[in-house]
């Protein structure tokens, strides 16, 4: 009888999924804006599909809230941008223009704090200058070098829409002008720089209130408004590649997460992320549905038959 009981216990043990014994669920968080919520939902969906217990903490708050929650162990993983870590968390002044070089630097610094950066995504959600695609074509402008050359030939005729932070930062609009050989306040008079909230900058370009405006490279509205991003051909803007940042203690408990989340980045280039943002911000789709359909589309999650 004793042997029968032992055999039954063994059978029961192997019949139960291993994740039941794995411990607490993984707290997956994100910042509150569209792109971050989509990235968070991608992680939630993929981890659940692979049998990892998950608690959805997406839309947790801003950068500071997520970072502090991660450091204090209140959340376990969220997507952060390399440029944000380098300049905001680590207060570095040097501009690192090599994407993997920057990734390796932030990864090494955070490793000492027990925070592990997993493989980054391809896309770079950095600052960008946008114009109407039609207008840019008419003016012969494709890059920021073209933009600067046009301004030199046509002083006082370029109007710009920017937010106040980008306007005032040394590494923002003023620095960009100097980097591309323009003199702030002269080649573009200050009166021609219109300051407004970030989402309004692209609308100002759409509505003809400004010839160009600031944006973020993966904004979904760029496509909706038939705008084009001017190529930063001299690599002025910082690099913002996102990557999952996870607590080492959690990775030790679930080492397979490194490989699971490592599958995300290879398929997420700038054009793809822009389309996903477009689906939410313009088409009105739900971030979790967009995340799941993308994962199914690239074969990371198999669509289950009903």
C-alpha atoms as a PDB file:
ATOM      1  CA  UNK A   1       0.000   0.000   0.000  1.00  0.00           C
ATOM      2  CA  UNK A   2       2.835   2.353   0.861  1.00  0.00           C
ATOM      3  CA  UNK A   3       4.425   1.785  -2.562  1.00  0.00           C
ATOM      4  CA  UNK A   4       1.094   2.527  -4.257  1.00  0.00           C
ATOM      5  CA  UNK A   5       0.766   5.861  -2.404  1.00  0.00           C
ATOM      6  CA  UNK A   6       4.283   6.887  -3.346  1.00  0.00           C
ATOM      7  CA  UNK A   7       3.596   6.001  -6.982  1.00  0.00           C
ATOM      8  CA  UNK A   8       0.355   8.002  -6.976  1.00  0.00           C
ATOM      9  CA  UNK A   9       2.135  11.049  -5.488  1.00  0.00           C
ATOM     10  CA  UNK A  10       4.796  10.829  -8.165  1.00  0.00           C
ATOM     11  CA  UNK A  11       2.196  10.646 -10.928  1.00  0.00           C
ATOM     12  CA  UNK A  12       0.358  13.657  -9.498  1.00  0.00           C
ATOM     13  CA  UNK A  13       3.594  15.667  -9.281  1.00  0.00           C
ATOM     14  CA  UNK A  14       4.470  15.178 -12.936  1.00  0.00           C
ATOM     15  CA  UNK A  15       0.865  15.739 -14.070  1.00  0.00           C
ATOM     16  CA  UNK A  16       0.829  19.284 -12.619  1.00  0.00           C
ATOM     17  CA  UNK A  17       2.467  22.064 -14.715  1.00  0.00           C
ATOM     18  CA  UNK A  18       5.877  22.999 -13.366  1.00  0.00           C
ATOM     19  CA  UNK A  19       4.952  26.696 -13.232  1.00  0.00           C
ATOM     20  CA  UNK A  20       2.605  25.974 -10.327  1.00  0.00           C
ATOM     21  CA  UNK A  21       5.692  25.345  -8.210  1.00  0.00           C
ATOM     22  CA  UNK A  22       7.656  28.248  -9.652  1.00  0.00           C
ATOM     23  CA  UNK A  23       6.621  30.815  -7.065  1.00  0.00           C
ATOM     24  CA  UNK A  24       5.075  34.269  -7.245  1.00  0.00           C
ATOM     25  CA  UNK A  25       3.840  35.708 -10.543  1.00  0.00           C
ATOM     26  CA  UNK A  26       6.106  38.025 -12.510  1.00  0.00           C
ATOM     27  CA  UNK A  27       4.965  41.647 -12.215  1.00  0.00           C
ATOM     28  CA  UNK A  28       5.145  43.098 -15.745  1.00  0.00           C
ATOM     29  CA  UNK A  29       4.831  46.887 -15.892  1.00  0.00           C
ATOM     30  CA  UNK A  30       5.007  49.717 -18.399  1.00  0.00           C
ATOM     31  CA  UNK A  31       4.856  53.476 -18.625  1.00  0.00           C
ATOM     32  CA  UNK A  32       1.516  55.028 -19.472  1.00  0.00           C
ATOM     33  CA  UNK A  33       1.868  56.133 -23.101  1.00  0.00           C
ATOM     34  CA  UNK A  34       0.704  54.046 -26.059  1.00  0.00           C
ATOM     35  CA  UNK A  35       3.998  52.560 -27.195  1.00  0.00           C
ATOM     36  CA  UNK A  36       4.947  51.501 -23.692  1.00  0.00           C
ATOM     37  CA  UNK A  37       1.569  49.914 -23.020  1.00  0.00           C
ATOM     38  CA  UNK A  38       1.852  47.909 -26.250  1.00  0.00           C
ATOM     39  CA  UNK A  39       5.350  46.741 -25.284  1.00  0.00           C
ATOM     40  CA  UNK A  40       4.102  45.777 -21.829  1.00  0.00           C
ATOM     41  CA  UNK A  41       1.167  43.842 -23.265  1.00  0.00           C
ATOM     42  CA  UNK A  42       3.523  42.030 -25.648  1.00  0.00           C
ATOM     43  CA  UNK A  43       5.568  40.822 -22.665  1.00  0.00           C
ATOM     44  CA  UNK A  44       2.462  39.872 -20.654  1.00  0.00           C
ATOM     45  CA  UNK A  45       0.952  37.902 -23.530  1.00  0.00           C
ATOM     46  CA  UNK A  46       4.172  36.118 -24.491  1.00  0.00           C
ATOM     47  CA  UNK A  47       5.081  35.119 -20.938  1.00  0.00           C
ATOM     48  CA  UNK A  48       1.579  33.800 -20.265  1.00  0.00           C
ATOM     49  CA  UNK A  49       1.680  31.820 -23.494  1.00  0.00           C
ATOM     50  CA  UNK A  50       4.946  30.193 -22.409  1.00  0.00           C
ATOM     51  CA  UNK A  51       3.530  29.166 -19.031  1.00  0.00           C
ATOM     52  CA  UNK A  52       5.050  31.885 -16.821  1.00  0.00           C
ATOM     53  CA  UNK A  53       2.660  33.200 -14.115  1.00  0.00           C
ATOM     54  CA  UNK A  54       2.174  36.915 -14.718  1.00  0.00           C
ATOM     55  CA  UNK A  55       0.592  39.894 -13.003  1.00  0.00           C
ATOM     56  CA  UNK A  56      -0.279  42.680 -15.442  1.00  0.00           C
ATOM     57  CA  UNK A  57       0.952  46.027 -14.086  1.00  0.00           C
ATOM     58  CA  UNK A  58       1.033  47.876 -17.418  1.00  0.00           C
ATOM     59  CA  UNK A  59       0.214  51.612 -17.468  1.00  0.00           C
ATOM     60  CA  UNK A  60       1.850  51.900 -14.048  1.00  0.00           C
ATOM     61  CA  UNK A  61       3.018  55.494 -14.486  1.00  0.00           C
ATOM     62  CA  UNK A  62       5.913  57.548 -15.815  1.00  0.00           C
ATOM     63  CA  UNK A  63       9.615  56.809 -16.094  1.00  0.00           C
ATOM     64  CA  UNK A  64      10.407  57.666 -12.487  1.00  0.00           C
ATOM     65  CA  UNK A  65       7.538  55.569 -11.112  1.00  0.00           C
ATOM     66  CA  UNK A  66       8.553  52.473 -13.075  1.00  0.00           C
ATOM     67  CA  UNK A  67      12.244  52.784 -12.298  1.00  0.00           C
ATOM     68  CA  UNK A  68      11.714  53.246  -8.571  1.00  0.00           C
ATOM     69  CA  UNK A  69       9.212  50.372  -8.466  1.00  0.00           C
ATOM     70  CA  UNK A  70      11.750  48.129 -10.211  1.00  0.00           C
ATOM     71  CA  UNK A  71      14.575  49.096  -7.876  1.00  0.00           C
ATOM     72  CA  UNK A  72      12.354  48.515  -4.830  1.00  0.00           C
ATOM     73  CA  UNK A  73      11.104  45.136  -6.053  1.00  0.00           C
ATOM     74  CA  UNK A  74       7.490  46.283  -6.439  1.00  0.00           C
ATOM     75  CA  UNK A  75       7.589  45.266 -10.112  1.00  0.00           C
ATOM     76  CA  UNK A  76       9.838  42.746 -11.816  1.00  0.00           C
ATOM     77  CA  UNK A  77      10.259  43.841 -15.432  1.00  0.00           C
ATOM     78  CA  UNK A  78       9.401  46.691 -17.803  1.00  0.00           C
ATOM     79  CA  UNK A  79      10.765  48.066 -21.070  1.00  0.00           C
ATOM     80  CA  UNK A  80      13.176  50.978 -20.760  1.00  0.00           C
ATOM     81  CA  UNK A  81      15.019  52.995 -23.387  1.00  0.00           C
ATOM     82  CA  UNK A  82      18.812  53.018 -23.510  1.00  0.00           C
ATOM     83  CA  UNK A  83      19.010  56.787 -23.967  1.00  0.00           C
ATOM     84  CA  UNK A  84      16.708  57.385 -20.999  1.00  0.00           C
ATOM     85  CA  UNK A  85      18.857  55.231 -18.727  1.00  0.00           C
ATOM     86  CA  UNK A  86      22.089  56.801 -19.948  1.00  0.00           C
ATOM     87  CA  UNK A  87      21.034  60.422 -19.559  1.00  0.00           C
ATOM     88  CA  UNK A  88      18.237  60.393 -16.972  1.00  0.00           C
ATOM     89  CA  UNK A  89      19.237  57.622 -14.560  1.00  0.00           C
ATOM     90  CA  UNK A  90      23.009  57.731 -14.902  1.00  0.00           C
ATOM     91  CA  UNK A  91      23.331  61.478 -15.678  1.00  0.00           C
ATOM     92  CA  UNK A  92      25.832  60.954 -18.500  1.00  0.00           C
ATOM     93  CA  UNK A  93      26.692  63.892 -20.774  1.00  0.00           C
ATOM     94  CA  UNK A  94      28.556  61.957 -23.455  1.00  0.00           C
ATOM     95  CA  UNK A  95      26.484  61.141 -26.545  1.00  0.00           C
ATOM     96  CA  UNK A  96      27.079  57.514 -27.560  1.00  0.00           C
ATOM     97  CA  UNK A  97      26.126  57.086 -31.208  1.00  0.00           C
ATOM     98  CA  UNK A  98      26.647  53.334 -31.476  1.00  0.00           C
ATOM     99  CA  UNK A  99      23.375  51.554 -30.480  1.00  0.00           C
ATOM    100  CA  UNK A 100      24.971  48.368 -29.154  1.00  0.00           C
ATOM    101  CA  UNK A 101      27.781  50.337 -27.549  1.00  0.00           C
ATOM    102  CA  UNK A 102      25.209  52.348 -25.593  1.00  0.00           C
ATOM    103  CA  UNK A 103      23.273  49.191 -24.720  1.00  0.00           C
ATOM    104  CA  UNK A 104      26.424  47.528 -23.369  1.00  0.00           C
ATOM    105  CA  UNK A 105      27.211  50.583 -21.227  1.00  0.00           C
ATOM    106  CA  UNK A 106      23.788  50.832 -19.563  1.00  0.00           C
ATOM    107  CA  UNK A 107      23.645  47.048 -19.177  1.00  0.00           C
ATOM    108  CA  UNK A 108      26.989  47.020 -17.339  1.00  0.00           C
ATOM    109  CA  UNK A 109      26.006  49.848 -14.983  1.00  0.00           C
ATOM    110  CA  UNK A 110      22.661  48.306 -14.035  1.00  0.00           C
ATOM    111  CA  UNK A 111      24.128  44.810 -13.616  1.00  0.00           C
ATOM    112  CA  UNK A 112      25.906  46.107 -10.516  1.00  0.00           C
ATOM    113  CA  UNK A 113      22.474  46.990  -9.103  1.00  0.00           C
ATOM    114  CA  UNK A 114      20.973  43.575  -9.801  1.00  0.00           C
ATOM    115  CA  UNK A 115      19.015  44.824 -12.824  1.00  0.00           C
ATOM    116  CA  UNK A 116      19.515  42.876 -16.035  1.00  0.00           C
ATOM    117  CA  UNK A 117      18.981  44.314 -19.528  1.00  0.00           C
ATOM    118  CA  UNK A 118      17.768  41.679 -21.986  1.00  0.00           C
ATOM    119  CA  UNK A 119      18.112  41.876 -25.774  1.00  0.00           C
ATOM    120  CA  UNK A 120      16.981  45.262 -27.162  1.00  0.00           C
ATOM    121  CA  UNK A 121      14.464  45.917 -29.922  1.00  0.00           C
ATOM    122  CA  UNK A 122      15.668  47.226 -33.278  1.00  0.00           C
ATOM    123  CA  UNK A 123      13.560  50.362 -33.271  1.00  0.00           C
ATOM    124  CA  UNK A 124      14.822  53.708 -32.066  1.00  0.00           C
ATOM    125  CA  UNK A 125      12.154  55.986 -30.570  1.00  0.00           C
ATOM    126  CA  UNK A 126      14.273  59.102 -30.602  1.00  0.00           C
ATOM    127  CA  UNK A 127      13.413  62.722 -31.342  1.00  0.00           C
ATOM    128  CA  UNK A 128      12.569  63.505 -34.949  1.00  0.00           C
ATOM    129  CA  UNK A 129      11.729  66.444 -37.191  1.00  0.00           C
ATOM    130  CA  UNK A 130       8.737  65.866 -39.461  1.00  0.00           C
ATOM    131  CA  UNK A 131       7.347  67.667 -42.483  1.00  0.00           C
ATOM    132  CA  UNK A 132       4.413  67.141 -44.808  1.00  0.00           C
ATOM    133  CA  UNK A 133       5.644  64.480 -47.224  1.00  0.00           C
ATOM    134  CA  UNK A 134       4.287  66.486 -50.158  1.00  0.00           C
ATOM    135  CA  UNK A 135       5.824  69.755 -48.988  1.00  0.00           C
ATOM    136  CA  UNK A 136       9.189  68.145 -48.235  1.00  0.00           C
ATOM    137  CA  UNK A 137       9.251  66.631 -51.734  1.00  0.00           C
ATOM    138  CA  UNK A 138       8.430  69.998 -53.304  1.00  0.00           C
ATOM    139  CA  UNK A 139      11.229  71.678 -51.324  1.00  0.00           C
ATOM    140  CA  UNK A 140      13.740  68.899 -52.013  1.00  0.00           C
ATOM    141  CA  UNK A 141      14.181  68.060 -48.344  1.00  0.00           C
ATOM    142  CA  UNK A 142      14.812  64.475 -47.210  1.00  0.00           C
ATOM    143  CA  UNK A 143      17.352  64.899 -44.408  1.00  0.00           C
ATOM    144  CA  UNK A 144      18.268  67.400 -41.708  1.00  0.00           C
ATOM    145  CA  UNK A 145      21.262  68.416 -43.837  1.00  0.00           C
ATOM    146  CA  UNK A 146      18.838  69.235 -46.680  1.00  0.00           C
ATOM    147  CA  UNK A 147      16.655  71.090 -44.174  1.00  0.00           C
ATOM    148  CA  UNK A 148      19.587  73.183 -42.933  1.00  0.00           C
ATOM    149  CA  UNK A 149      20.761  73.948 -46.481  1.00  0.00           C
ATOM    150  CA  UNK A 150      17.246  75.111 -47.449  1.00  0.00           C
ATOM    151  CA  UNK A 151      17.102  77.404 -44.411  1.00  0.00           C
ATOM    152  CA  UNK A 152      20.489  78.912 -45.300  1.00  0.00           C
ATOM    153  CA  UNK A 153      19.149  79.769 -48.767  1.00  0.00           C
ATOM    154  CA  UNK A 154      15.787  80.951 -47.404  1.00  0.00           C
ATOM    155  CA  UNK A 155      16.455  82.737 -44.069  1.00  0.00           C
ATOM    156  CA  UNK A 156      13.399  83.558 -42.016  1.00  0.00           C
ATOM    157  CA  UNK A 157      11.068  81.295 -43.987  1.00  0.00           C
ATOM    158  CA  UNK A 158      11.108  78.090 -41.911  1.00  0.00           C
ATOM    159  CA  UNK A 159       8.475  77.843 -39.175  1.00  0.00           C
ATOM    160  CA  UNK A 160       8.876  75.185 -36.502  1.00  0.00           C
ATOM    161  CA  UNK A 161       6.549  73.599 -33.897  1.00  0.00           C
ATOM    162  CA  UNK A 162       8.275  72.182 -30.799  1.00  0.00           C
ATOM    163  CA  UNK A 163       7.450  71.429 -27.188  1.00  0.00           C
ATOM    164  CA  UNK A 164       8.997  73.598 -24.471  1.00  0.00           C
ATOM    165  CA  UNK A 165      11.426  70.933 -23.255  1.00  0.00           C
ATOM    166  CA  UNK A 166      12.841  70.249 -26.713  1.00  0.00           C
ATOM    167  CA  UNK A 167      13.090  74.004 -27.286  1.00  0.00           C
ATOM    168  CA  UNK A 168      15.034  74.728 -24.103  1.00  0.00           C
ATOM    169  CA  UNK A 169      17.299  71.672 -23.766  1.00  0.00           C
ATOM    170  CA  UNK A 170      20.913  72.154 -24.790  1.00  0.00           C
ATOM    171  CA  UNK A 171      20.743  68.794 -26.565  1.00  0.00           C
ATOM    172  CA  UNK A 172      17.377  69.626 -28.137  1.00  0.00           C
ATOM    173  CA  UNK A 173      16.414  72.144 -30.803  1.00  0.00           C
ATOM    174  CA  UNK A 174      19.196  74.646 -30.172  1.00  0.00           C
ATOM    175  CA  UNK A 175      21.861  71.982 -30.155  1.00  0.00           C
ATOM    176  CA  UNK A 176      20.420  70.441 -33.312  1.00  0.00           C
ATOM    177  CA  UNK A 177      20.612  73.739 -35.166  1.00  0.00           C
ATOM    178  CA  UNK A 178      24.235  74.270 -34.181  1.00  0.00           C
ATOM    179  CA  UNK A 179      25.135  70.672 -35.034  1.00  0.00           C
ATOM    180  CA  UNK A 180      23.747  71.173 -38.544  1.00  0.00           C
ATOM    181  CA  UNK A 181      25.507  74.511 -39.039  1.00  0.00           C
ATOM    182  CA  UNK A 182      22.684  76.911 -38.237  1.00  0.00           C
ATOM    183  CA  UNK A 183      22.669  79.839 -35.820  1.00  0.00           C
ATOM    184  CA  UNK A 184      19.840  79.813 -33.329  1.00  0.00           C
ATOM    185  CA  UNK A 185      17.761  83.013 -33.440  1.00  0.00           C
ATOM    186  CA  UNK A 186      19.267  84.111 -36.762  1.00  0.00           C
ATOM    187  CA  UNK A 187      18.697  81.456 -39.409  1.00  0.00           C
ATOM    188  CA  UNK A 188      15.368  80.710 -37.751  1.00  0.00           C
ATOM    189  CA  UNK A 189      14.098  83.792 -35.866  1.00  0.00           C
ATOM    190  CA  UNK A 190      12.772  82.952 -32.432  1.00  0.00           C
ATOM    191  CA  UNK A 191       9.368  84.318 -33.432  1.00  0.00           C
ATOM    192  CA  UNK A 192       9.108  81.517 -36.003  1.00  0.00           C
ATOM    193  CA  UNK A 193       9.491  78.813 -33.350  1.00  0.00           C
ATOM    194  CA  UNK A 194       6.033  77.930 -32.045  1.00  0.00           C
ATOM    195  CA  UNK A 195       5.987  76.236 -28.639  1.00  0.00           C
ATOM    196  CA  UNK A 196       3.150  73.828 -27.803  1.00  0.00           C
ATOM    197  CA  UNK A 197       2.334  70.408 -26.359  1.00  0.00           C
ATOM    198  CA  UNK A 198       3.995  67.439 -28.075  1.00  0.00           C
ATOM    199  CA  UNK A 199       0.880  65.962 -29.794  1.00  0.00           C
ATOM    200  CA  UNK A 200       0.006  69.404 -31.197  1.00  0.00           C
ATOM    201  CA  UNK A 201       3.336  69.759 -32.999  1.00  0.00           C
ATOM    202  CA  UNK A 202       2.442  67.194 -35.679  1.00  0.00           C
ATOM    203  CA  UNK A 203      -1.066  68.680 -35.953  1.00  0.00           C
ATOM    204  CA  UNK A 204       0.445  72.133 -36.498  1.00  0.00           C
ATOM    205  CA  UNK A 205       2.404  70.737 -39.450  1.00  0.00           C
ATOM    206  CA  UNK A 206      -0.705  68.941 -40.756  1.00  0.00           C
ATOM    207  CA  UNK A 207      -2.789  72.120 -40.531  1.00  0.00           C
ATOM    208  CA  UNK A 208      -0.158  74.354 -42.142  1.00  0.00           C
ATOM    209  CA  UNK A 209       0.619  76.331 -38.984  1.00  0.00           C
ATOM    210  CA  UNK A 210       4.282  75.299 -39.230  1.00  0.00           C
ATOM    211  CA  UNK A 211       6.438  73.875 -42.016  1.00  0.00           C
ATOM    212  CA  UNK A 212       8.098  71.371 -39.689  1.00  0.00           C
ATOM    213  CA  UNK A 213       7.667  70.089 -36.181  1.00  0.00           C
ATOM    214  CA  UNK A 214       9.138  67.797 -33.573  1.00  0.00           C
ATOM    215  CA  UNK A 215       7.904  64.255 -33.072  1.00  0.00           C
ATOM    216  CA  UNK A 216       9.107  60.908 -31.812  1.00  0.00           C
ATOM    217  CA  UNK A 217      10.302  58.550 -34.513  1.00  0.00           C
ATOM    218  CA  UNK A 218       7.642  55.876 -33.928  1.00  0.00           C
ATOM    219  CA  UNK A 219       4.588  58.149 -33.529  1.00  0.00           C
ATOM    220  CA  UNK A 220       1.637  56.522 -35.269  1.00  0.00           C
ATOM    221  CA  UNK A 221       0.188  59.873 -36.354  1.00  0.00           C
ATOM    222  CA  UNK A 222       3.142  60.493 -38.701  1.00  0.00           C
ATOM    223  CA  UNK A 223       1.645  58.019 -41.155  1.00  0.00           C
ATOM    224  CA  UNK A 224      -1.909  59.220 -40.535  1.00  0.00           C
ATOM    225  CA  UNK A 225      -0.952  62.815 -41.317  1.00  0.00           C
ATOM    226  CA  UNK A 226       1.053  61.884 -44.442  1.00  0.00           C
ATOM    227  CA  UNK A 227       4.241  63.228 -42.920  1.00  0.00           C
ATOM    228  CA  UNK A 228       7.835  62.117 -43.289  1.00  0.00           C
ATOM    229  CA  UNK A 229      10.650  61.976 -40.753  1.00  0.00           C
ATOM    230  CA  UNK A 230      13.702  63.900 -41.939  1.00  0.00           C
ATOM    231  CA  UNK A 231      16.740  61.652 -41.820  1.00  0.00           C
ATOM    232  CA  UNK A 232      19.144  62.543 -39.024  1.00  0.00           C
ATOM    233  CA  UNK A 233      22.009  61.936 -41.455  1.00  0.00           C
ATOM    234  CA  UNK A 234      24.712  63.201 -39.086  1.00  0.00           C
ATOM    235  CA  UNK A 235      23.365  61.218 -36.085  1.00  0.00           C
ATOM    236  CA  UNK A 236      22.658  64.135 -33.760  1.00  0.00           C
ATOM    237  CA  UNK A 237      19.799  62.697 -31.719  1.00  0.00           C
ATOM    238  CA  UNK A 238      20.436  60.248 -28.857  1.00  0.00           C
ATOM    239  CA  UNK A 239      19.582  56.573 -29.292  1.00  0.00           C
ATOM    240  CA  UNK A 240      16.463  55.220 -27.606  1.00  0.00           C
ATOM    241  CA  UNK A 241      16.335  51.451 -28.149  1.00  0.00           C
ATOM    242  CA  UNK A 242      13.922  49.757 -25.705  1.00  0.00           C
ATOM    243  CA  UNK A 243      14.804  46.555 -23.883  1.00  0.00           C
ATOM    244  CA  UNK A 244      13.246  44.532 -21.069  1.00  0.00           C
ATOM    245  CA  UNK A 245      14.927  45.358 -17.753  1.00  0.00           C
ATOM    246  CA  UNK A 246      14.357  42.633 -15.164  1.00  0.00           C
ATOM    247  CA  UNK A 247      15.413  42.055 -11.575  1.00  0.00           C
ATOM    248  CA  UNK A 248      18.182  39.451 -11.312  1.00  0.00           C
ATOM    249  CA  UNK A 249      16.354  37.667  -8.491  1.00  0.00           C
ATOM    250  CA  UNK A 250      13.392  37.056 -10.792  1.00  0.00           C
ATOM    251  CA  UNK A 251      15.618  35.936 -13.658  1.00  0.00           C
ATOM    252  CA  UNK A 252      17.330  33.480 -11.324  1.00  0.00           C
ATOM    253  CA  UNK A 253      13.900  32.054 -10.468  1.00  0.00           C
ATOM    254  CA  UNK A 254      12.746  31.962 -14.101  1.00  0.00           C
ATOM    255  CA  UNK A 255      15.915  31.731 -16.241  1.00  0.00           C
ATOM    256  CA  UNK A 256      13.833  30.876 -19.311  1.00  0.00           C
ATOM    257  CA  UNK A 257      12.509  34.464 -19.358  1.00  0.00           C
ATOM    258  CA  UNK A 258      15.824  35.598 -20.831  1.00  0.00           C
ATOM    259  CA  UNK A 259      15.139  33.542 -23.944  1.00  0.00           C
ATOM    260  CA  UNK A 260      11.393  34.175 -24.070  1.00  0.00           C
ATOM    261  CA  UNK A 261      11.625  37.967 -23.961  1.00  0.00           C
ATOM    262  CA  UNK A 262      14.776  37.852 -26.061  1.00  0.00           C
ATOM    263  CA  UNK A 263      12.617  36.771 -29.005  1.00  0.00           C
ATOM    264  CA  UNK A 264      10.729  40.082 -29.128  1.00  0.00           C
ATOM    265  CA  UNK A 265      13.323  42.600 -30.239  1.00  0.00           C
ATOM    266  CA  UNK A 266      14.483  41.035 -33.509  1.00  0.00           C
ATOM    267  CA  UNK A 267      11.095  41.647 -35.166  1.00  0.00           C
ATOM    268  CA  UNK A 268      10.413  45.111 -33.758  1.00  0.00           C
ATOM    269  CA  UNK A 269      11.938  47.662 -36.125  1.00  0.00           C
ATOM    270  CA  UNK A 270      10.921  51.326 -36.365  1.00  0.00           C
ATOM    271  CA  UNK A 271       8.389  50.788 -39.178  1.00  0.00           C
ATOM    272  CA  UNK A 272       6.730  47.948 -37.270  1.00  0.00           C
ATOM    273  CA  UNK A 273       6.457  49.872 -33.994  1.00  0.00           C
ATOM    274  CA  UNK A 274       5.055  52.865 -35.861  1.00  0.00           C
ATOM    275  CA  UNK A 275       2.332  50.646 -37.364  1.00  0.00           C
ATOM    276  CA  UNK A 276       1.441  49.218 -33.945  1.00  0.00           C
ATOM    277  CA  UNK A 277       1.184  52.728 -32.459  1.00  0.00           C
ATOM    278  CA  UNK A 278      -0.938  53.746 -35.457  1.00  0.00           C
ATOM    279  CA  UNK A 279      -3.369  50.906 -34.826  1.00  0.00           C
ATOM    280  CA  UNK A 280      -3.963  52.137 -31.278  1.00  0.00           C
ATOM    281  CA  UNK A 281      -3.754  55.930 -31.640  1.00  0.00           C
ATOM    282  CA  UNK A 282      -5.432  56.279 -35.034  1.00  0.00           C
ATOM    283  CA  UNK A 283      -7.559  53.152 -35.512  1.00  0.00           C
ATOM    284  CA  UNK A 284      -8.610  52.986 -31.862  1.00  0.00           C
ATOM    285  CA  UNK A 285      -7.679  49.338 -31.321  1.00  0.00           C
ATOM    286  CA  UNK A 286      -6.945  48.040 -27.807  1.00  0.00           C
ATOM    287  CA  UNK A 287      -3.230  47.653 -26.934  1.00  0.00           C
ATOM    288  CA  UNK A 288      -3.649  44.068 -25.712  1.00  0.00           C
ATOM    289  CA  UNK A 289      -5.334  43.006 -28.972  1.00  0.00           C
ATOM    290  CA  UNK A 290      -2.664  44.741 -31.034  1.00  0.00           C
ATOM    291  CA  UNK A 291       0.056  43.040 -28.986  1.00  0.00           C
ATOM    292  CA  UNK A 292      -1.498  39.595 -29.356  1.00  0.00           C
ATOM    293  CA  UNK A 293      -2.140  39.916 -33.097  1.00  0.00           C
ATOM    294  CA  UNK A 294       1.449  41.063 -33.687  1.00  0.00           C
ATOM    295  CA  UNK A 295       2.827  38.127 -31.680  1.00  0.00           C
ATOM    296  CA  UNK A 296       0.665  35.762 -33.713  1.00  0.00           C
ATOM    297  CA  UNK A 297       1.709  37.447 -36.946  1.00  0.00           C
ATOM    298  CA  UNK A 298       5.416  36.892 -36.301  1.00  0.00           C
ATOM    299  CA  UNK A 299       4.842  33.370 -35.004  1.00  0.00           C
ATOM    300  CA  UNK A 300       5.814  33.943 -31.376  1.00  0.00           C
ATOM    301  CA  UNK A 301       2.325  32.968 -30.230  1.00  0.00           C
ATOM    302  CA  UNK A 302       0.333  30.321 -32.044  1.00  0.00           C
ATOM    303  CA  UNK A 303      -3.321  31.188 -32.614  1.00  0.00           C
ATOM    304  CA  UNK A 304      -5.350  28.543 -30.823  1.00  0.00           C
ATOM    305  CA  UNK A 305      -8.180  26.889 -32.707  1.00  0.00           C
ATOM    306  CA  UNK A 306     -11.621  27.175 -31.124  1.00  0.00           C
END
